[in-house]
């Protein structure tokens, strides 16, 4: 049973680290992740010669 408990603790530490990293990305992201999605101008149509 101790092996299982040690494994659970390791998994929880890894998950905690991942969540902390994701929160830091969202909170202090520079530039914001969605900036490219918000503004996407249309390309001008090609004129046939």
C-alpha atoms as a PDB file:
ATOM      1  CA  UNK A   1       0.000   0.000   0.000  1.00  0.00           C
ATOM      2  CA  UNK A   2       2.936   2.382   0.636  1.00  0.00           C
ATOM      3  CA  UNK A   3       4.053   2.121  -2.999  1.00  0.00           C
ATOM      4  CA  UNK A   4       0.633   3.288  -4.116  1.00  0.00           C
ATOM      5  CA  UNK A   5       0.663   6.203  -1.664  1.00  0.00           C
ATOM      6  CA  UNK A   6       4.127   7.311  -2.836  1.00  0.00           C
ATOM      7  CA  UNK A   7       2.982   7.109  -6.447  1.00  0.00           C
ATOM      8  CA  UNK A   8      -0.078   9.214  -5.673  1.00  0.00           C
ATOM      9  CA  UNK A   9       2.048  11.876  -3.998  1.00  0.00           C
ATOM     10  CA  UNK A  10       4.374  12.057  -7.017  1.00  0.00           C
ATOM     11  CA  UNK A  11       1.434  12.363  -9.404  1.00  0.00           C
ATOM     12  CA  UNK A  12      -0.098  15.120  -7.285  1.00  0.00           C
ATOM     13  CA  UNK A  13       3.191  17.052  -7.278  1.00  0.00           C
ATOM     14  CA  UNK A  14       3.458  16.819 -11.061  1.00  0.00           C
ATOM     15  CA  UNK A  15      -0.151  17.921 -11.540  1.00  0.00           C
ATOM     16  CA  UNK A  16       0.364  20.821  -9.128  1.00  0.00           C
ATOM     17  CA  UNK A  17       3.438  21.985 -11.063  1.00  0.00           C
ATOM     18  CA  UNK A  18       1.564  21.820 -14.376  1.00  0.00           C
ATOM     19  CA  UNK A  19      -1.391  23.780 -12.994  1.00  0.00           C
ATOM     20  CA  UNK A  20       0.872  26.439 -11.485  1.00  0.00           C
ATOM     21  CA  UNK A  21       2.676  26.872 -14.816  1.00  0.00           C
ATOM     22  CA  UNK A  22      -0.614  27.234 -16.701  1.00  0.00           C
ATOM     23  CA  UNK A  23      -1.903  29.808 -14.212  1.00  0.00           C
ATOM     24  CA  UNK A  24       1.283  31.836 -14.603  1.00  0.00           C
ATOM     25  CA  UNK A  25       0.900  31.770 -18.395  1.00  0.00           C
ATOM     26  CA  UNK A  26      -2.674  33.029 -18.198  1.00  0.00           C
ATOM     27  CA  UNK A  27      -2.120  35.591 -15.476  1.00  0.00           C
ATOM     28  CA  UNK A  28       1.110  37.124 -16.668  1.00  0.00           C
ATOM     29  CA  UNK A  29       1.036  36.272 -20.354  1.00  0.00           C
ATOM     30  CA  UNK A  30       2.818  38.824 -22.496  1.00  0.00           C
ATOM     31  CA  UNK A  31       1.550  39.127 -25.218  1.00  0.00           C
ATOM     32  CA  UNK A  32      -1.896  37.703 -24.598  1.00  0.00           C
ATOM     33  CA  UNK A  33      -2.448  34.340 -26.230  1.00  0.00           C
ATOM     34  CA  UNK A  34      -5.535  35.354 -28.229  1.00  0.00           C
ATOM     35  CA  UNK A  35      -4.155  38.540 -29.838  1.00  0.00           C
ATOM     36  CA  UNK A  36      -3.694  36.899 -33.248  1.00  0.00           C
ATOM     37  CA  UNK A  37      -7.178  35.440 -33.301  1.00  0.00           C
ATOM     38  CA  UNK A  38      -8.962  38.705 -32.556  1.00  0.00           C
ATOM     39  CA  UNK A  39      -7.649  40.754 -35.482  1.00  0.00           C
ATOM     40  CA  UNK A  40      -7.393  38.965 -38.810  1.00  0.00           C
ATOM     41  CA  UNK A  41      -7.911  41.348 -41.727  1.00  0.00           C
ATOM     42  CA  UNK A  42      -9.123  40.003 -45.053  1.00  0.00           C
ATOM     43  CA  UNK A  43      -6.653  39.915 -47.889  1.00  0.00           C
ATOM     44  CA  UNK A  44      -7.443  42.085 -50.890  1.00  0.00           C
ATOM     45  CA  UNK A  45      -8.811  40.276 -53.918  1.00  0.00           C
ATOM     46  CA  UNK A  46      -6.341  39.703 -56.760  1.00  0.00           C
ATOM     47  CA  UNK A  47      -6.865  41.718 -59.883  1.00  0.00           C
ATOM     48  CA  UNK A  48      -6.578  39.702 -63.057  1.00  0.00           C
ATOM     49  CA  UNK A  49      -4.283  41.232 -65.618  1.00  0.00           C
END
